[in-house]
Amino acid sequence: MTLNIGLFPGSFDPFTNGHLATVKKALKIFDKLYIAVSTNTGKTALFTTPEKVALIKGATEGLDRVEVIAAPRKLTVDLAVELKAQALIRGLRNTADFEYEAGVAQMNKAQNADIETVFFMADQKYTFISSSMIKEVAAFGGDVSALVPACVEAALKTKYSEKR
């Protein structure tokens, strides 16, 4: 039997409840889901890749068809082939996300026509959440408990208390 495998790539700095909702939606369709933590070279990361992998493992504990990995430095479609994933998973909060992600999906398709991109619309309560916004609120001691898993909230508090 061939497994239906999805790959959810991202920098996840930090992993949010919006990301977690996307994971749960993807698990309704896919037999196995890889979450690949990558480095966004255009941004300065708050958490290291190993920290992000550990946090996402904590946030997805109990979701037995999820495997969290550190993404190697390669094209996402090449990683998908390596993992035998048929589709890349992306979450969309708004039309701006769609415009950006549609371009990325087309570029990925140009690199490998066999890899599809599946978009999941964010639940309305998560449409305003971004990792950047969460970091900014957390940096000033604001409450992000409704926006991130508990393990991520604790890590944000620790990280920002070290910076003060």
N, C-alpha and C. Protein backbone atom coordinates (compact mmCIF):
# COMPACT_ATOMS: atom_id res chain seq x y z
N MET A 1 0.83 -1.19 0.00
CA MET A 1 0.00 0.00 0.00
C MET A 1 0.88 1.25 0.00
N THR A 2 0.59 2.17 -0.87
CA THR A 2 1.33 3.42 -0.93
C THR A 2 0.73 4.42 0.04
N LEU A 3 1.57 5.00 0.85
CA LEU A 3 1.11 6.02 1.78
C LEU A 3 0.95 7.35 1.07
N ASN A 4 -0.06 8.09 1.47
CA ASN A 4 -0.28 9.44 0.99
C ASN A 4 0.47 10.37 1.95
N ILE A 5 1.60 10.92 1.50
CA ILE A 5 2.51 11.67 2.38
C ILE A 5 2.53 13.14 2.00
N GLY A 6 2.44 13.99 3.02
CA GLY A 6 2.54 15.43 2.83
C GLY A 6 3.77 15.98 3.50
N LEU A 7 4.25 17.10 2.99
CA LEU A 7 5.41 17.79 3.55
C LEU A 7 5.01 19.23 3.84
N PHE A 8 5.10 19.64 5.09
CA PHE A 8 4.76 21.00 5.52
C PHE A 8 6.07 21.70 5.88
N PRO A 9 6.64 22.46 4.94
CA PRO A 9 7.90 23.15 5.22
C PRO A 9 7.65 24.55 5.77
N GLY A 10 8.60 25.04 6.55
CA GLY A 10 8.50 26.41 7.04
C GLY A 10 9.61 26.73 8.01
N SER A 11 9.75 28.02 8.31
CA SER A 11 10.75 28.42 9.30
C SER A 11 10.19 28.30 10.71
N PHE A 12 8.88 28.44 10.88
CA PHE A 12 8.20 28.20 12.16
C PHE A 12 8.91 28.87 13.33
N ASP A 13 9.11 30.17 13.23
CA ASP A 13 9.87 30.90 14.26
C ASP A 13 9.02 32.00 14.88
N PRO A 14 8.08 31.63 15.77
CA PRO A 14 7.82 30.29 16.32
C PRO A 14 6.63 29.61 15.64
N PHE A 15 6.45 28.34 16.03
CA PHE A 15 5.30 27.54 15.61
C PHE A 15 4.07 28.07 16.33
N THR A 16 3.00 28.33 15.59
CA THR A 16 1.80 28.96 16.15
C THR A 16 0.62 27.99 16.17
N ASN A 17 -0.45 28.43 16.81
CA ASN A 17 -1.69 27.64 16.77
C ASN A 17 -2.25 27.58 15.35
N GLY A 18 -1.96 28.58 14.54
CA GLY A 18 -2.35 28.54 13.13
C GLY A 18 -1.63 27.42 12.39
N HIS A 19 -0.33 27.29 12.66
CA HIS A 19 0.43 26.18 12.07
C HIS A 19 -0.15 24.83 12.54
N LEU A 20 -0.43 24.74 13.84
CA LEU A 20 -0.96 23.50 14.40
C LEU A 20 -2.31 23.15 13.77
N ALA A 21 -3.15 24.14 13.55
CA ALA A 21 -4.45 23.90 12.90
C ALA A 21 -4.25 23.39 11.48
N THR A 22 -3.26 23.92 10.78
CA THR A 22 -2.95 23.44 9.42
C THR A 22 -2.50 21.99 9.46
N VAL A 23 -1.68 21.64 10.43
CA VAL A 23 -1.23 20.25 10.59
C VAL A 23 -2.43 19.33 10.78
N LYS A 24 -3.34 19.72 11.66
CA LYS A 24 -4.50 18.87 11.94
C LYS A 24 -5.40 18.73 10.71
N LYS A 25 -5.54 19.78 9.93
CA LYS A 25 -6.32 19.69 8.69
C LYS A 25 -5.64 18.74 7.70
N ALA A 26 -4.32 18.86 7.59
CA ALA A 26 -3.58 18.00 6.65
C ALA A 26 -3.70 16.53 7.04
N LEU A 27 -3.74 16.25 8.34
CA LEU A 27 -3.84 14.87 8.79
C LEU A 27 -5.19 14.24 8.45
N LYS A 28 -6.18 15.04 8.09
CA LYS A 28 -7.46 14.50 7.63
C LYS A 28 -7.34 13.93 6.22
N ILE A 29 -6.30 14.34 5.51
CA ILE A 29 -6.12 13.94 4.11
C ILE A 29 -4.91 13.03 3.91
N PHE A 30 -3.86 13.27 4.67
CA PHE A 30 -2.60 12.55 4.47
C PHE A 30 -2.41 11.47 5.53
N ASP A 31 -1.79 10.35 5.11
CA ASP A 31 -1.49 9.25 6.02
C ASP A 31 -0.32 9.60 6.93
N LYS A 32 0.60 10.39 6.40
CA LYS A 32 1.79 10.80 7.15
C LYS A 32 2.10 12.23 6.76
N LEU A 33 2.57 12.99 7.74
CA LEU A 33 2.92 14.38 7.49
C LEU A 33 4.29 14.67 8.08
N TYR A 34 5.18 15.13 7.22
CA TYR A 34 6.48 15.63 7.68
C TYR A 34 6.37 17.13 7.87
N ILE A 35 6.88 17.61 8.98
CA ILE A 35 7.04 19.05 9.19
C ILE A 35 8.53 19.31 9.10
N ALA A 36 8.93 20.06 8.09
CA ALA A 36 10.35 20.31 7.84
C ALA A 36 10.69 21.73 8.26
N VAL A 37 11.52 21.85 9.26
CA VAL A 37 11.93 23.16 9.78
C VAL A 37 13.12 23.64 8.98
N SER A 38 12.93 24.77 8.32
CA SER A 38 13.99 25.33 7.48
C SER A 38 14.48 26.65 8.06
N THR A 39 15.55 27.14 7.49
CA THR A 39 16.11 28.43 7.88
C THR A 39 15.69 29.46 6.85
N ASN A 40 15.10 30.55 7.33
CA ASN A 40 14.76 31.66 6.44
C ASN A 40 15.95 32.61 6.43
N THR A 41 16.71 32.58 5.36
CA THR A 41 17.94 33.39 5.30
C THR A 41 17.66 34.88 5.27
N GLY A 42 16.41 35.26 4.99
CA GLY A 42 16.05 36.67 4.95
C GLY A 42 15.68 37.25 6.30
N LYS A 43 15.66 36.41 7.33
CA LYS A 43 15.27 36.87 8.66
C LYS A 43 16.26 36.38 9.70
N THR A 44 16.34 37.11 10.80
CA THR A 44 17.13 36.67 11.94
C THR A 44 16.22 35.83 12.83
N ALA A 45 16.59 34.59 13.06
CA ALA A 45 15.75 33.67 13.83
C ALA A 45 15.89 33.92 15.32
N LEU A 46 14.77 33.79 16.03
CA LEU A 46 14.78 33.84 17.48
C LEU A 46 15.24 32.51 18.04
N PHE A 47 14.71 31.43 17.48
CA PHE A 47 15.04 30.08 17.94
C PHE A 47 15.96 29.40 16.93
N THR A 48 16.84 28.55 17.42
CA THR A 48 17.69 27.75 16.54
C THR A 48 16.83 26.65 15.92
N THR A 49 17.34 26.05 14.87
CA THR A 49 16.60 24.95 14.24
C THR A 49 16.36 23.81 15.22
N PRO A 50 17.36 23.36 16.00
CA PRO A 50 17.08 22.29 16.97
C PRO A 50 16.03 22.69 18.01
N GLU A 51 16.03 23.96 18.43
CA GLU A 51 15.00 24.42 19.37
C GLU A 51 13.62 24.36 18.73
N LYS A 52 13.53 24.80 17.48
CA LYS A 52 12.23 24.78 16.79
C LYS A 52 11.74 23.35 16.59
N VAL A 53 12.63 22.45 16.22
CA VAL A 53 12.25 21.04 16.06
C VAL A 53 11.69 20.51 17.38
N ALA A 54 12.37 20.78 18.48
CA ALA A 54 11.92 20.30 19.79
C ALA A 54 10.57 20.91 20.17
N LEU A 55 10.39 22.20 19.91
CA LEU A 55 9.12 22.86 20.23
C LEU A 55 7.97 22.28 19.41
N ILE A 56 8.21 22.04 18.13
CA ILE A 56 7.15 21.50 17.28
C ILE A 56 6.83 20.06 17.68
N LYS A 57 7.85 19.30 18.06
CA LYS A 57 7.60 17.95 18.56
C LYS A 57 6.72 18.01 19.80
N GLY A 58 6.99 18.97 20.68
CA GLY A 58 6.16 19.14 21.87
C GLY A 58 4.74 19.54 21.52
N ALA A 59 4.60 20.44 20.56
CA ALA A 59 3.28 20.94 20.17
C ALA A 59 2.45 19.88 19.44
N THR A 60 3.11 18.94 18.79
CA THR A 60 2.39 17.91 18.02
C THR A 60 2.39 16.55 18.73
N GLU A 61 2.80 16.55 19.99
CA GLU A 61 2.79 15.31 20.76
C GLU A 61 1.39 14.71 20.73
N GLY A 62 1.32 13.42 20.47
CA GLY A 62 0.03 12.75 20.39
C GLY A 62 -0.50 12.65 18.96
N LEU A 63 0.10 13.37 18.05
CA LEU A 63 -0.26 13.26 16.63
C LEU A 63 0.72 12.28 16.01
N ASP A 64 0.39 11.00 16.08
CA ASP A 64 1.36 9.94 15.77
C ASP A 64 1.74 9.82 14.30
N ARG A 65 1.06 10.49 13.41
CA ARG A 65 1.42 10.41 11.99
C ARG A 65 2.24 11.61 11.54
N VAL A 66 2.75 12.35 12.53
CA VAL A 66 3.57 13.53 12.25
C VAL A 66 5.02 13.23 12.59
N GLU A 67 5.92 13.63 11.71
CA GLU A 67 7.35 13.53 11.98
C GLU A 67 7.97 14.90 11.72
N VAL A 68 8.67 15.41 12.72
CA VAL A 68 9.30 16.73 12.63
C VAL A 68 10.78 16.54 12.33
N ILE A 69 11.25 17.23 11.30
CA ILE A 69 12.65 17.10 10.90
C ILE A 69 13.26 18.48 10.65
N ALA A 70 14.57 18.54 10.77
CA ALA A 70 15.31 19.73 10.34
C ALA A 70 15.54 19.58 8.84
N ALA A 71 15.09 20.56 8.08
CA ALA A 71 15.22 20.48 6.63
C ALA A 71 16.67 20.69 6.21
N PRO A 72 17.19 19.81 5.38
CA PRO A 72 18.54 20.04 4.85
C PRO A 72 18.49 21.21 3.86
N ARG A 73 19.63 21.78 3.57
CA ARG A 73 19.69 22.91 2.63
C ARG A 73 19.59 22.38 1.21
N LYS A 74 18.35 22.29 0.74
CA LYS A 74 18.08 21.83 -0.62
C LYS A 74 16.71 22.34 -1.02
N LEU A 75 16.39 22.22 -2.29
CA LEU A 75 15.07 22.62 -2.75
C LEU A 75 14.00 21.80 -2.03
N THR A 76 12.92 22.45 -1.68
CA THR A 76 11.83 21.77 -0.98
C THR A 76 11.28 20.61 -1.80
N VAL A 77 11.17 20.79 -3.12
CA VAL A 77 10.65 19.69 -3.95
C VAL A 77 11.61 18.50 -3.95
N ASP A 78 12.91 18.76 -3.86
CA ASP A 78 13.87 17.66 -3.78
C ASP A 78 13.72 16.92 -2.46
N LEU A 79 13.47 17.66 -1.38
CA LEU A 79 13.22 17.02 -0.09
C LEU A 79 11.94 16.19 -0.16
N ALA A 80 10.92 16.71 -0.81
CA ALA A 80 9.66 15.96 -0.96
C ALA A 80 9.90 14.63 -1.66
N VAL A 81 10.69 14.64 -2.72
CA VAL A 81 11.01 13.40 -3.44
C VAL A 81 11.74 12.44 -2.51
N GLU A 82 12.71 12.96 -1.78
CA GLU A 82 13.49 12.13 -0.85
C GLU A 82 12.59 11.47 0.20
N LEU A 83 11.59 12.21 0.67
CA LEU A 83 10.69 11.70 1.71
C LEU A 83 9.50 10.93 1.14
N LYS A 84 9.44 10.85 -0.20
CA LYS A 84 8.33 10.20 -0.90
C LYS A 84 6.99 10.91 -0.67
N ALA A 85 7.07 12.23 -0.47
CA ALA A 85 5.85 13.04 -0.29
C ALA A 85 5.29 13.41 -1.66
N GLN A 86 3.98 13.33 -1.77
CA GLN A 86 3.32 13.68 -3.03
C GLN A 86 2.93 15.15 -3.08
N ALA A 87 2.87 15.79 -1.90
CA ALA A 87 2.36 17.17 -1.87
C ALA A 87 3.05 18.00 -0.81
N LEU A 88 3.16 19.28 -1.12
CA LEU A 88 3.61 20.29 -0.16
C LEU A 88 2.37 20.92 0.46
N ILE A 89 2.43 21.17 1.74
CA ILE A 89 1.30 21.73 2.48
C ILE A 89 1.59 23.19 2.78
N ARG A 90 0.61 24.04 2.52
CA ARG A 90 0.74 25.47 2.82
C ARG A 90 -0.55 25.96 3.45
N GLY A 91 -0.43 26.84 4.42
CA GLY A 91 -1.58 27.48 5.04
C GLY A 91 -1.76 28.87 4.46
N LEU A 92 -2.99 29.27 4.27
CA LEU A 92 -3.30 30.60 3.73
C LEU A 92 -4.17 31.36 4.71
N ARG A 93 -3.73 32.57 5.07
CA ARG A 93 -4.52 33.41 5.97
C ARG A 93 -5.37 34.41 5.20
N ASN A 94 -4.90 34.81 4.03
CA ASN A 94 -5.55 35.90 3.31
C ASN A 94 -5.12 35.87 1.84
N THR A 95 -5.62 36.83 1.07
CA THR A 95 -5.30 36.87 -0.36
C THR A 95 -3.83 37.19 -0.61
N ALA A 96 -3.21 37.95 0.28
CA ALA A 96 -1.78 38.24 0.12
C ALA A 96 -0.97 36.94 0.22
N ASP A 97 -1.33 36.09 1.19
CA ASP A 97 -0.67 34.79 1.30
C ASP A 97 -0.88 33.99 0.02
N PHE A 98 -2.11 34.01 -0.51
CA PHE A 98 -2.40 33.25 -1.72
C PHE A 98 -1.54 33.73 -2.88
N GLU A 99 -1.44 35.03 -3.06
CA GLU A 99 -0.64 35.55 -4.18
C GLU A 99 0.81 35.11 -4.07
N TYR A 100 1.37 35.19 -2.87
CA TYR A 100 2.75 34.77 -2.67
C TYR A 100 2.89 33.26 -2.87
N GLU A 101 2.04 32.49 -2.19
CA GLU A 101 2.15 31.03 -2.22
C GLU A 101 1.85 30.46 -3.61
N ALA A 102 0.98 31.10 -4.37
CA ALA A 102 0.69 30.64 -5.73
C ALA A 102 1.95 30.72 -6.59
N GLY A 103 2.71 31.79 -6.43
CA GLY A 103 3.97 31.93 -7.16
C GLY A 103 4.98 30.88 -6.76
N VAL A 104 5.08 30.63 -5.45
CA VAL A 104 5.99 29.59 -4.96
C VAL A 104 5.56 28.22 -5.49
N ALA A 105 4.26 27.96 -5.48
CA ALA A 105 3.75 26.68 -5.98
C ALA A 105 4.08 26.49 -7.45
N GLN A 106 3.96 27.55 -8.23
CA GLN A 106 4.29 27.46 -9.66
C GLN A 106 5.79 27.20 -9.86
N MET A 107 6.62 27.85 -9.07
CA MET A 107 8.06 27.62 -9.16
C MET A 107 8.39 26.18 -8.78
N ASN A 108 7.76 25.68 -7.71
CA ASN A 108 7.97 24.29 -7.31
C ASN A 108 7.53 23.34 -8.42
N LYS A 109 6.40 23.64 -9.05
CA LYS A 109 5.88 22.80 -10.14
C LYS A 109 6.84 22.81 -11.32
N ALA A 110 7.47 23.95 -11.57
CA ALA A 110 8.46 24.04 -12.65
C ALA A 110 9.69 23.18 -12.34
N GLN A 111 10.01 23.04 -11.06
CA GLN A 111 11.16 22.23 -10.64
C GLN A 111 10.84 20.74 -10.67
N ASN A 112 9.59 20.39 -10.31
CA ASN A 112 9.19 18.99 -10.29
C ASN A 112 7.68 18.91 -10.49
N ALA A 113 7.27 18.52 -11.67
CA ALA A 113 5.85 18.49 -12.03
C ALA A 113 5.05 17.44 -11.27
N ASP A 114 5.73 16.51 -10.60
CA ASP A 114 5.03 15.45 -9.88
C ASP A 114 4.62 15.86 -8.47
N ILE A 115 5.15 16.95 -7.96
CA ILE A 115 4.84 17.39 -6.59
C ILE A 115 3.74 18.45 -6.64
N GLU A 116 2.63 18.15 -5.97
CA GLU A 116 1.51 19.10 -5.90
C GLU A 116 1.66 19.99 -4.68
N THR A 117 0.94 21.09 -4.67
CA THR A 117 0.85 21.95 -3.49
C THR A 117 -0.61 21.98 -3.07
N VAL A 118 -0.86 21.70 -1.79
CA VAL A 118 -2.21 21.71 -1.24
C VAL A 118 -2.31 22.86 -0.26
N PHE A 119 -3.30 23.73 -0.48
CA PHE A 119 -3.50 24.90 0.38
C PHE A 119 -4.64 24.63 1.36
N PHE A 120 -4.43 25.03 2.59
CA PHE A 120 -5.48 24.97 3.61
C PHE A 120 -5.75 26.38 4.10
N MET A 121 -7.02 26.76 4.09
CA MET A 121 -7.39 28.09 4.58
C MET A 121 -7.33 28.10 6.10
N ALA A 122 -6.80 29.17 6.64
CA ALA A 122 -6.72 29.33 8.09
C ALA A 122 -8.11 29.49 8.68
N ASP A 123 -8.30 28.97 9.86
CA ASP A 123 -9.53 29.26 10.59
C ASP A 123 -9.57 30.76 10.84
N GLN A 124 -10.76 31.32 10.86
CA GLN A 124 -10.89 32.77 10.99
C GLN A 124 -10.15 33.31 12.21
N LYS A 125 -10.18 32.57 13.31
CA LYS A 125 -9.53 33.07 14.53
C LYS A 125 -8.01 33.15 14.41
N TYR A 126 -7.45 32.55 13.37
CA TYR A 126 -6.00 32.58 13.18
C TYR A 126 -5.55 33.43 12.00
N THR A 127 -6.47 34.10 11.33
CA THR A 127 -6.09 34.83 10.11
C THR A 127 -5.17 36.01 10.37
N PHE A 128 -5.15 36.52 11.58
CA PHE A 128 -4.29 37.67 11.88
C PHE A 128 -2.95 37.27 12.48
N ILE A 129 -2.77 36.00 12.78
CA ILE A 129 -1.56 35.55 13.46
C ILE A 129 -0.40 35.44 12.48
N SER A 130 0.73 36.00 12.87
CA SER A 130 1.98 35.75 12.15
C SER A 130 3.07 35.53 13.20
N SER A 131 4.05 34.75 12.84
CA SER A 131 5.16 34.51 13.78
C SER A 131 5.84 35.81 14.17
N SER A 132 5.99 36.72 13.22
CA SER A 132 6.64 38.01 13.50
C SER A 132 5.84 38.81 14.53
N MET A 133 4.53 38.83 14.37
CA MET A 133 3.68 39.57 15.29
C MET A 133 3.74 38.96 16.69
N ILE A 134 3.73 37.64 16.75
CA ILE A 134 3.80 36.95 18.04
C ILE A 134 5.10 37.29 18.74
N LYS A 135 6.20 37.28 18.01
CA LYS A 135 7.50 37.62 18.63
C LYS A 135 7.49 39.04 19.17
N GLU A 136 6.91 39.95 18.43
CA GLU A 136 6.88 41.34 18.88
C GLU A 136 6.05 41.49 20.15
N VAL A 137 4.89 40.88 20.20
CA VAL A 137 4.05 40.95 21.40
C VAL A 137 4.76 40.29 22.58
N ALA A 138 5.33 39.12 22.36
CA ALA A 138 6.02 38.40 23.43
C ALA A 138 7.24 39.16 23.94
N ALA A 139 7.93 39.85 23.05
CA ALA A 139 9.12 40.61 23.45
C ALA A 139 8.79 41.70 24.46
N PHE A 140 7.57 42.22 24.40
CA PHE A 140 7.15 43.27 25.33
C PHE A 140 6.31 42.71 26.47
N GLY A 141 6.35 41.40 26.66
CA GLY A 141 5.66 40.77 27.78
C GLY A 141 4.17 40.59 27.58
N GLY A 142 3.68 40.73 26.36
CA GLY A 142 2.26 40.56 26.08
C GLY A 142 1.84 39.10 26.15
N ASP A 143 0.53 38.90 26.25
CA ASP A 143 -0.04 37.56 26.38
C ASP A 143 -0.25 36.93 25.00
N VAL A 144 0.47 35.86 24.72
CA VAL A 144 0.32 35.14 23.45
C VAL A 144 -0.22 33.73 23.68
N SER A 145 -0.75 33.48 24.87
CA SER A 145 -1.18 32.12 25.24
C SER A 145 -2.27 31.56 24.33
N ALA A 146 -3.10 32.40 23.74
CA ALA A 146 -4.16 31.91 22.85
C ALA A 146 -3.66 31.73 21.42
N LEU A 147 -2.43 32.12 21.16
CA LEU A 147 -1.91 32.14 19.80
C LEU A 147 -0.88 31.06 19.50
N VAL A 148 -0.28 30.50 20.56
CA VAL A 148 0.77 29.51 20.39
C VAL A 148 0.54 28.35 21.36
N PRO A 149 1.05 27.16 21.03
CA PRO A 149 0.99 26.05 21.98
C PRO A 149 1.71 26.41 23.28
N ALA A 150 1.31 25.77 24.38
CA ALA A 150 1.86 26.10 25.70
C ALA A 150 3.39 25.98 25.74
N CYS A 151 3.95 24.97 25.10
CA CYS A 151 5.41 24.80 25.13
C CYS A 151 6.11 25.96 24.42
N VAL A 152 5.49 26.49 23.38
CA VAL A 152 6.07 27.62 22.66
C VAL A 152 5.95 28.88 23.50
N GLU A 153 4.82 29.06 24.17
CA GLU A 153 4.65 30.22 25.05
C GLU A 153 5.74 30.24 26.13
N ALA A 154 5.98 29.09 26.75
CA ALA A 154 7.01 29.00 27.79
C ALA A 154 8.39 29.32 27.22
N ALA A 155 8.67 28.81 26.03
CA ALA A 155 9.98 29.06 25.40
C ALA A 155 10.14 30.54 25.05
N LEU A 156 9.07 31.18 24.60
CA LEU A 156 9.13 32.62 24.29
C LEU A 156 9.43 33.42 25.56
N LYS A 157 8.75 33.08 26.65
CA LYS A 157 8.99 33.78 27.92
C LYS A 157 10.44 33.62 28.35
N THR A 158 10.95 32.40 28.25
CA THR A 158 12.35 32.15 28.62
C THR A 158 13.31 32.92 27.72
N LYS A 159 13.08 32.85 26.44
CA LYS A 159 13.97 33.50 25.46
C LYS A 159 14.01 35.01 25.69
N TYR A 160 12.84 35.61 25.89
CA TYR A 160 12.81 37.06 26.04
C TYR A 160 13.26 37.51 27.43
N SER A 161 13.14 36.66 28.45
CA SER A 161 13.66 37.04 29.76
C SER A 161 15.19 37.01 29.74
N GLU A 162 15.78 36.14 28.91
CA GLU A 162 17.24 36.10 28.74
C GLU A 162 17.75 37.35 28.04
N LYS A 163 16.93 37.95 27.19
CA LYS A 163 17.35 39.11 26.40
C LYS A 163 17.22 40.42 27.17
N ARG A 164 16.47 40.40 28.26
CA ARG A 164 16.25 41.64 29.03
C ARG A 164 17.40 41.95 29.94
